[in-house]
């Protein structure tokens, strides 16, 4: 069984509490930080308030089913991997799932060991794409390694979420110039929707906190966007 020294963040949605809880616990033992939702609506709410490396969702759920959840996620994030699970091998559901650009459709029961292998295979492809844009920024008091999403300020090193890292990369690449808010939304979320805008606010606030021990902070440029400035 493959394991990884990096802890990936995963959103799991399944209305079967027994199956979902057991799967969540197993995934945690295999290197995933799991956020568990009982239905698609709760999963959508969690997605808009946190950042994940991958989403795994059951298809048949109340309030918002897995295909509807995948569609909404894909409208806001064109890159995050999405895996759908279903106890029914329904060709219609499979076609609908791939139509909204999911990455994998897995029929239950699927051995959890195989499911984890599939998740790691998808994440390897995703991470390999990211390393093509590998960038390292080093200044006095701060080091940011984009490919591994590692930020070091003073003696503290933290691993950023994918969106945290993307926002910080845009700010650093701007060399102190303002990055327009709309450009951030279109570049990272591929959307300027209300939910994407709310998510950006969350990441800016979190990055400000993470940069508190560095020489830099994120300044709000009223009516335009943000820029990284020395404190």
C-alpha atoms as a PDB file:
ATOM      1  CA  UNK A   1       0.000   0.000   0.000  1.00  0.00           C
ATOM      2  CA  UNK A   2       1.311   3.404  -0.957  1.00  0.00           C
ATOM      3  CA  UNK A   3       1.741   6.001   1.756  1.00  0.00           C
ATOM      4  CA  UNK A   4       3.010   9.548   1.610  1.00  0.00           C
ATOM      5  CA  UNK A   5       4.817  11.844   4.047  1.00  0.00           C
ATOM      6  CA  UNK A   6       2.585  14.689   2.971  1.00  0.00           C
ATOM      7  CA  UNK A   7      -0.901  14.947   4.468  1.00  0.00           C
ATOM      8  CA  UNK A   8      -3.461  15.651   1.766  1.00  0.00           C
ATOM      9  CA  UNK A   9      -6.708  17.426   2.633  1.00  0.00           C
ATOM     10  CA  UNK A  10      -9.801  15.519   1.488  1.00  0.00           C
ATOM     11  CA  UNK A  11     -13.500  16.353   1.535  1.00  0.00           C
ATOM     12  CA  UNK A  12     -15.614  13.211   1.934  1.00  0.00           C
ATOM     13  CA  UNK A  13     -19.408  13.334   1.419  1.00  0.00           C
ATOM     14  CA  UNK A  14     -21.613  10.311   2.117  1.00  0.00           C
ATOM     15  CA  UNK A  15     -25.027  10.065   3.778  1.00  0.00           C
ATOM     16  CA  UNK A  16     -24.344   6.480   4.927  1.00  0.00           C
ATOM     17  CA  UNK A  17     -22.924   7.302   8.366  1.00  0.00           C
ATOM     18  CA  UNK A  18     -21.566   3.812   9.017  1.00  0.00           C
ATOM     19  CA  UNK A  19     -19.741   3.553   5.696  1.00  0.00           C
ATOM     20  CA  UNK A  20     -18.675   7.203   5.630  1.00  0.00           C
ATOM     21  CA  UNK A  21     -17.280   7.220   9.156  1.00  0.00           C
ATOM     22  CA  UNK A  22     -15.332   4.000   8.608  1.00  0.00           C
ATOM     23  CA  UNK A  23     -13.953   5.264   5.289  1.00  0.00           C
ATOM     24  CA  UNK A  24     -12.987   8.603   6.842  1.00  0.00           C
ATOM     25  CA  UNK A  25     -11.126   6.851   9.663  1.00  0.00           C
ATOM     26  CA  UNK A  26      -9.299   4.570   7.217  1.00  0.00           C
ATOM     27  CA  UNK A  27      -8.286   7.461   4.971  1.00  0.00           C
ATOM     28  CA  UNK A  28      -6.851   9.274   7.994  1.00  0.00           C
ATOM     29  CA  UNK A  29      -4.573   6.296   8.674  1.00  0.00           C
ATOM     30  CA  UNK A  30      -3.328   6.557   5.082  1.00  0.00           C
ATOM     31  CA  UNK A  31      -2.166  10.159   5.232  1.00  0.00           C
ATOM     32  CA  UNK A  32      -5.315  12.137   4.516  1.00  0.00           C
ATOM     33  CA  UNK A  33      -6.749  14.981   6.555  1.00  0.00           C
ATOM     34  CA  UNK A  34     -10.463  14.219   6.160  1.00  0.00           C
ATOM     35  CA  UNK A  35     -13.396  16.599   6.490  1.00  0.00           C
ATOM     36  CA  UNK A  36     -16.630  14.564   6.510  1.00  0.00           C
ATOM     37  CA  UNK A  37     -20.043  15.805   5.331  1.00  0.00           C
ATOM     38  CA  UNK A  38     -23.326  13.869   5.577  1.00  0.00           C
ATOM     39  CA  UNK A  39     -24.881  15.204   2.365  1.00  0.00           C
ATOM     40  CA  UNK A  40     -24.101  17.295  -0.690  1.00  0.00           C
ATOM     41  CA  UNK A  41     -25.393  20.546   0.753  1.00  0.00           C
ATOM     42  CA  UNK A  42     -23.159  20.220   3.813  1.00  0.00           C
ATOM     43  CA  UNK A  43     -20.288  19.242   1.542  1.00  0.00           C
ATOM     44  CA  UNK A  44     -20.839  22.344  -0.602  1.00  0.00           C
ATOM     45  CA  UNK A  45     -20.832  24.519   2.511  1.00  0.00           C
ATOM     46  CA  UNK A  46     -17.558  22.974   3.710  1.00  0.00           C
ATOM     47  CA  UNK A  47     -15.998  23.361   0.263  1.00  0.00           C
ATOM     48  CA  UNK A  48     -16.691  27.085   0.323  1.00  0.00           C
ATOM     49  CA  UNK A  49     -15.129  27.577   3.748  1.00  0.00           C
ATOM     50  CA  UNK A  50     -12.024  25.377   3.458  1.00  0.00           C
ATOM     51  CA  UNK A  51      -9.447  24.281   0.915  1.00  0.00           C
ATOM     52  CA  UNK A  52      -8.991  20.676  -0.205  1.00  0.00           C
ATOM     53  CA  UNK A  53      -6.619  18.686  -2.399  1.00  0.00           C
ATOM     54  CA  UNK A  54      -9.310  16.221  -3.502  1.00  0.00           C
ATOM     55  CA  UNK A  55     -13.066  15.599  -3.148  1.00  0.00           C
ATOM     56  CA  UNK A  56     -14.670  12.150  -2.739  1.00  0.00           C
ATOM     57  CA  UNK A  57     -18.465  11.994  -2.804  1.00  0.00           C
ATOM     58  CA  UNK A  58     -21.252   9.463  -2.935  1.00  0.00           C
ATOM     59  CA  UNK A  59     -23.676   9.979  -5.835  1.00  0.00           C
ATOM     60  CA  UNK A  60     -27.063   9.320  -4.212  1.00  0.00           C
ATOM     61  CA  UNK A  61     -27.416  11.794  -1.323  1.00  0.00           C
ATOM     62  CA  UNK A  62     -30.230  13.999   0.014  1.00  0.00           C
ATOM     63  CA  UNK A  63     -30.512  17.763  -0.513  1.00  0.00           C
ATOM     64  CA  UNK A  64     -27.705  17.861  -3.113  1.00  0.00           C
ATOM     65  CA  UNK A  65     -26.535  14.680  -4.840  1.00  0.00           C
ATOM     66  CA  UNK A  66     -22.935  13.936  -5.758  1.00  0.00           C
ATOM     67  CA  UNK A  67     -23.287  14.932  -9.409  1.00  0.00           C
ATOM     68  CA  UNK A  68     -24.848  18.277  -8.461  1.00  0.00           C
ATOM     69  CA  UNK A  69     -22.073  18.820  -5.911  1.00  0.00           C
ATOM     70  CA  UNK A  70     -19.408  17.983  -8.501  1.00  0.00           C
ATOM     71  CA  UNK A  71     -21.006  20.404 -10.983  1.00  0.00           C
ATOM     72  CA  UNK A  72     -21.039  23.244  -8.447  1.00  0.00           C
ATOM     73  CA  UNK A  73     -17.452  22.564  -7.393  1.00  0.00           C
ATOM     74  CA  UNK A  74     -16.246  22.395 -10.981  1.00  0.00           C
ATOM     75  CA  UNK A  75     -17.867  25.751 -11.778  1.00  0.00           C
ATOM     76  CA  UNK A  76     -15.706  27.282  -9.040  1.00  0.00           C
ATOM     77  CA  UNK A  77     -12.537  25.192  -9.345  1.00  0.00           C
ATOM     78  CA  UNK A  78     -11.503  23.633 -12.638  1.00  0.00           C
ATOM     79  CA  UNK A  79      -8.492  21.792 -11.210  1.00  0.00           C
ATOM     80  CA  UNK A  80      -9.402  20.040  -7.951  1.00  0.00           C
ATOM     81  CA  UNK A  81      -9.748  16.250  -8.451  1.00  0.00           C
ATOM     82  CA  UNK A  82     -13.259  14.870  -7.863  1.00  0.00           C
ATOM     83  CA  UNK A  83     -14.054  11.175  -7.318  1.00  0.00           C
ATOM     84  CA  UNK A  84     -17.654   9.918  -7.241  1.00  0.00           C
ATOM     85  CA  UNK A  85     -18.719   6.742  -5.412  1.00  0.00           C
ATOM     86  CA  UNK A  86     -21.925   4.820  -6.106  1.00  0.00           C
ATOM     87  CA  UNK A  87     -23.472   1.521  -5.080  1.00  0.00           C
ATOM     88  CA  UNK A  88     -25.282   1.530  -8.436  1.00  0.00           C
ATOM     89  CA  UNK A  89     -23.431   0.882 -11.669  1.00  0.00           C
ATOM     90  CA  UNK A  90     -25.853   3.187 -13.507  1.00  0.00           C
ATOM     91  CA  UNK A  91     -24.599   4.219 -16.972  1.00  0.00           C
ATOM     92  CA  UNK A  92     -26.719   7.381 -16.797  1.00  0.00           C
ATOM     93  CA  UNK A  93     -25.095   8.496 -13.544  1.00  0.00           C
ATOM     94  CA  UNK A  94     -21.657   7.625 -14.916  1.00  0.00           C
ATOM     95  CA  UNK A  95     -22.261   9.720 -18.055  1.00  0.00           C
ATOM     96  CA  UNK A  96     -23.604  12.617 -15.979  1.00  0.00           C
ATOM     97  CA  UNK A  97     -20.588  12.436 -13.677  1.00  0.00           C
ATOM     98  CA  UNK A  98     -18.039  12.588 -16.457  1.00  0.00           C
ATOM     99  CA  UNK A  99     -20.083  15.288 -18.168  1.00  0.00           C
ATOM    100  CA  UNK A 100     -19.363  17.594 -15.224  1.00  0.00           C
ATOM    101  CA  UNK A 101     -15.657  16.684 -15.498  1.00  0.00           C
ATOM    102  CA  UNK A 102     -15.086  14.379 -12.554  1.00  0.00           C
ATOM    103  CA  UNK A 103     -11.778  12.475 -12.475  1.00  0.00           C
ATOM    104  CA  UNK A 104     -12.996   9.004 -11.468  1.00  0.00           C
ATOM    105  CA  UNK A 105     -16.261   7.104 -10.960  1.00  0.00           C
ATOM    106  CA  UNK A 106     -15.886   4.209  -8.517  1.00  0.00           C
ATOM    107  CA  UNK A 107     -18.581   1.563  -7.986  1.00  0.00           C
ATOM    108  CA  UNK A 108     -19.141   0.366  -4.409  1.00  0.00           C
ATOM    109  CA  UNK A 109     -18.263  -1.923  -2.849  1.00  0.00           C
ATOM    110  CA  UNK A 110     -14.685  -1.092  -3.768  1.00  0.00           C
ATOM    111  CA  UNK A 111     -11.901  -2.377  -1.477  1.00  0.00           C
ATOM    112  CA  UNK A 112     -10.655   0.626   0.481  1.00  0.00           C
ATOM    113  CA  UNK A 113      -7.063  -0.294  -0.386  1.00  0.00           C
ATOM    114  CA  UNK A 114      -7.895   0.035  -4.085  1.00  0.00           C
ATOM    115  CA  UNK A 115      -9.729   3.305  -3.525  1.00  0.00           C
ATOM    116  CA  UNK A 116      -6.690   4.769  -1.739  1.00  0.00           C
ATOM    117  CA  UNK A 117      -4.455   3.648  -4.628  1.00  0.00           C
ATOM    118  CA  UNK A 118      -6.775   5.426  -7.058  1.00  0.00           C
ATOM    119  CA  UNK A 119      -6.701   8.604  -4.943  1.00  0.00           C
ATOM    120  CA  UNK A 120      -2.908   8.629  -4.789  1.00  0.00           C
ATOM    121  CA  UNK A 121      -2.682   8.012  -8.543  1.00  0.00           C
ATOM    122  CA  UNK A 122      -4.921  11.016  -9.218  1.00  0.00           C
ATOM    123  CA  UNK A 123      -2.986  13.199  -6.769  1.00  0.00           C
ATOM    124  CA  UNK A 124       0.345  12.184  -8.349  1.00  0.00           C
ATOM    125  CA  UNK A 125      -0.900  13.436 -11.705  1.00  0.00           C
ATOM    126  CA  UNK A 126      -2.144  16.665 -10.114  1.00  0.00           C
ATOM    127  CA  UNK A 127       1.076  17.303  -8.217  1.00  0.00           C
ATOM    128  CA  UNK A 128       3.183  16.503 -11.288  1.00  0.00           C
ATOM    129  CA  UNK A 129       1.357  19.231 -13.204  1.00  0.00           C
ATOM    130  CA  UNK A 130       1.986  21.675 -10.384  1.00  0.00           C
ATOM    131  CA  UNK A 131       5.716  20.991 -10.276  1.00  0.00           C
ATOM    132  CA  UNK A 132       6.013  22.258 -13.842  1.00  0.00           C
ATOM    133  CA  UNK A 133       5.499  25.715 -12.315  1.00  0.00           C
ATOM    134  CA  UNK A 134       7.906  25.147  -9.435  1.00  0.00           C
ATOM    135  CA  UNK A 135       8.973  28.443  -7.936  1.00  0.00           C
ATOM    136  CA  UNK A 136      10.968  29.192  -4.802  1.00  0.00           C
ATOM    137  CA  UNK A 137      11.027  32.630  -3.179  1.00  0.00           C
ATOM    138  CA  UNK A 138      13.619  33.393  -0.530  1.00  0.00           C
ATOM    139  CA  UNK A 139      13.966  36.714   1.268  1.00  0.00           C
ATOM    140  CA  UNK A 140      15.233  37.731   4.660  1.00  0.00           C
ATOM    141  CA  UNK A 141      12.916  36.099   7.171  1.00  0.00           C
ATOM    142  CA  UNK A 142      10.754  34.154   4.693  1.00  0.00           C
ATOM    143  CA  UNK A 143      11.022  31.207   2.306  1.00  0.00           C
ATOM    144  CA  UNK A 144       8.166  29.994   0.107  1.00  0.00           C
ATOM    145  CA  UNK A 145       8.440  26.810  -1.976  1.00  0.00           C
ATOM    146  CA  UNK A 146       5.409  26.737  -4.243  1.00  0.00           C
ATOM    147  CA  UNK A 147       5.761  23.191  -5.594  1.00  0.00           C
ATOM    148  CA  UNK A 148       5.547  21.728  -2.088  1.00  0.00           C
ATOM    149  CA  UNK A 149       3.382  24.535  -0.653  1.00  0.00           C
ATOM    150  CA  UNK A 150       5.854  25.115   2.160  1.00  0.00           C
ATOM    151  CA  UNK A 151       6.091  28.512   3.855  1.00  0.00           C
ATOM    152  CA  UNK A 152       8.823  29.258   6.386  1.00  0.00           C
ATOM    153  CA  UNK A 153       8.716  32.427   8.456  1.00  0.00           C
ATOM    154  CA  UNK A 154      11.314  32.789  11.166  1.00  0.00           C
ATOM    155  CA  UNK A 155      11.622  29.330  12.769  1.00  0.00           C
ATOM    156  CA  UNK A 156       8.109  28.201  11.801  1.00  0.00           C
ATOM    157  CA  UNK A 157       7.374  26.073   8.729  1.00  0.00           C
ATOM    158  CA  UNK A 158       3.797  25.351   7.654  1.00  0.00           C
ATOM    159  CA  UNK A 159       2.254  23.523   4.720  1.00  0.00           C
ATOM    160  CA  UNK A 160      -0.246  25.664   2.861  1.00  0.00           C
ATOM    161  CA  UNK A 161      -3.433  24.556   1.185  1.00  0.00           C
ATOM    162  CA  UNK A 162      -3.456  24.644  -2.613  1.00  0.00           C
ATOM    163  CA  UNK A 163      -5.410  27.916  -2.769  1.00  0.00           C
ATOM    164  CA  UNK A 164      -3.306  29.536  -0.031  1.00  0.00           C
ATOM    165  CA  UNK A 165      -0.215  28.729  -2.091  1.00  0.00           C
ATOM    166  CA  UNK A 166      -1.766  29.986  -5.333  1.00  0.00           C
ATOM    167  CA  UNK A 167      -2.758  33.326  -3.770  1.00  0.00           C
ATOM    168  CA  UNK A 168       0.688  33.824  -2.234  1.00  0.00           C
ATOM    169  CA  UNK A 169       2.372  32.936  -5.526  1.00  0.00           C
ATOM    170  CA  UNK A 170       0.428  35.610  -7.417  1.00  0.00           C
ATOM    171  CA  UNK A 171       1.309  38.213  -4.787  1.00  0.00           C
ATOM    172  CA  UNK A 172       5.008  37.328  -4.802  1.00  0.00           C
ATOM    173  CA  UNK A 173       5.213  37.257  -8.599  1.00  0.00           C
ATOM    174  CA  UNK A 174       3.766  40.785  -8.683  1.00  0.00           C
ATOM    175  CA  UNK A 175       6.910  42.149  -6.944  1.00  0.00           C
ATOM    176  CA  UNK A 176       5.030  44.580  -4.739  1.00  0.00           C
ATOM    177  CA  UNK A 177       2.546  45.676  -7.402  1.00  0.00           C
ATOM    178  CA  UNK A 178      -1.201  45.347  -6.903  1.00  0.00           C
ATOM    179  CA  UNK A 179      -2.826  42.100  -8.029  1.00  0.00           C
ATOM    180  CA  UNK A 180      -6.388  42.804  -9.067  1.00  0.00           C
ATOM    181  CA  UNK A 181      -8.995  40.883  -7.120  1.00  0.00           C
ATOM    182  CA  UNK A 182     -10.783  39.792 -10.293  1.00  0.00           C
ATOM    183  CA  UNK A 183      -7.528  38.431 -11.702  1.00  0.00           C
ATOM    184  CA  UNK A 184      -7.038  36.311  -8.572  1.00  0.00           C
ATOM    185  CA  UNK A 185     -10.558  34.921  -8.841  1.00  0.00           C
ATOM    186  CA  UNK A 186     -10.267  34.123 -12.556  1.00  0.00           C
ATOM    187  CA  UNK A 187      -6.772  32.640 -12.224  1.00  0.00           C
ATOM    188  CA  UNK A 188      -7.317  30.479  -9.141  1.00  0.00           C
ATOM    189  CA  UNK A 189     -11.059  29.742  -9.046  1.00  0.00           C
ATOM    190  CA  UNK A 190     -11.746  30.262 -12.767  1.00  0.00           C
ATOM    191  CA  UNK A 191     -14.790  32.211 -11.598  1.00  0.00           C
ATOM    192  CA  UNK A 192     -15.748  35.541 -10.059  1.00  0.00           C
ATOM    193  CA  UNK A 193     -18.847  34.088  -8.390  1.00  0.00           C
ATOM    194  CA  UNK A 194     -20.058  35.064  -4.936  1.00  0.00           C
ATOM    195  CA  UNK A 195     -18.731  31.823  -3.434  1.00  0.00           C
ATOM    196  CA  UNK A 196     -15.302  32.266  -5.038  1.00  0.00           C
ATOM    197  CA  UNK A 197     -15.145  35.842  -3.766  1.00  0.00           C
ATOM    198  CA  UNK A 198     -15.993  34.720  -0.226  1.00  0.00           C
ATOM    199  CA  UNK A 199     -13.340  32.021  -0.430  1.00  0.00           C
ATOM    200  CA  UNK A 200     -10.686  34.547  -1.477  1.00  0.00           C
ATOM    201  CA  UNK A 201     -11.514  36.648   1.588  1.00  0.00           C
ATOM    202  CA  UNK A 202     -10.915  33.596   3.793  1.00  0.00           C
ATOM    203  CA  UNK A 203      -7.526  32.830   2.211  1.00  0.00           C
ATOM    204  CA  UNK A 204      -6.335  36.434   2.407  1.00  0.00           C
ATOM    205  CA  UNK A 205      -7.197  36.540   6.121  1.00  0.00           C
ATOM    206  CA  UNK A 206      -5.451  33.228   6.747  1.00  0.00           C
ATOM    207  CA  UNK A 207      -2.323  34.235   4.819  1.00  0.00           C
ATOM    208  CA  UNK A 208      -2.081  37.471   6.794  1.00  0.00           C
ATOM    209  CA  UNK A 209      -2.038  35.384   9.952  1.00  0.00           C
ATOM    210  CA  UNK A 210       0.564  32.973   8.569  1.00  0.00           C
ATOM    211  CA  UNK A 211       2.804  35.880   7.541  1.00  0.00           C
ATOM    212  CA  UNK A 212       2.690  37.506  10.974  1.00  0.00           C
ATOM    213  CA  UNK A 213       6.280  36.393  11.772  1.00  0.00           C
ATOM    214  CA  UNK A 214       7.636  37.427   8.380  1.00  0.00           C
ATOM    215  CA  UNK A 215       8.749  40.851   7.091  1.00  0.00           C
ATOM    216  CA  UNK A 216       5.632  40.991   4.901  1.00  0.00           C
ATOM    217  CA  UNK A 217       1.899  41.510   5.099  1.00  0.00           C
ATOM    218  CA  UNK A 218      -0.938  41.673   2.573  1.00  0.00           C
ATOM    219  CA  UNK A 219      -2.331  45.140   2.024  1.00  0.00           C
ATOM    220  CA  UNK A 220      -5.849  45.734   0.741  1.00  0.00           C
ATOM    221  CA  UNK A 221      -5.847  48.222  -2.151  1.00  0.00           C
ATOM    222  CA  UNK A 222      -9.355  49.659  -1.971  1.00  0.00           C
ATOM    223  CA  UNK A 223     -11.475  48.947  -5.020  1.00  0.00           C
ATOM    224  CA  UNK A 224      -8.653  47.095  -6.798  1.00  0.00           C
ATOM    225  CA  UNK A 225      -7.101  44.123  -5.057  1.00  0.00           C
ATOM    226  CA  UNK A 226      -4.124  43.229  -2.911  1.00  0.00           C
ATOM    227  CA  UNK A 227      -0.377  43.605  -2.759  1.00  0.00           C
ATOM    228  CA  UNK A 228       2.410  42.178  -0.637  1.00  0.00           C
ATOM    229  CA  UNK A 229       4.313  44.866   1.270  1.00  0.00           C
ATOM    230  CA  UNK A 230       6.993  44.973   3.941  1.00  0.00           C
ATOM    231  CA  UNK A 231       5.674  45.538   7.442  1.00  0.00           C
END
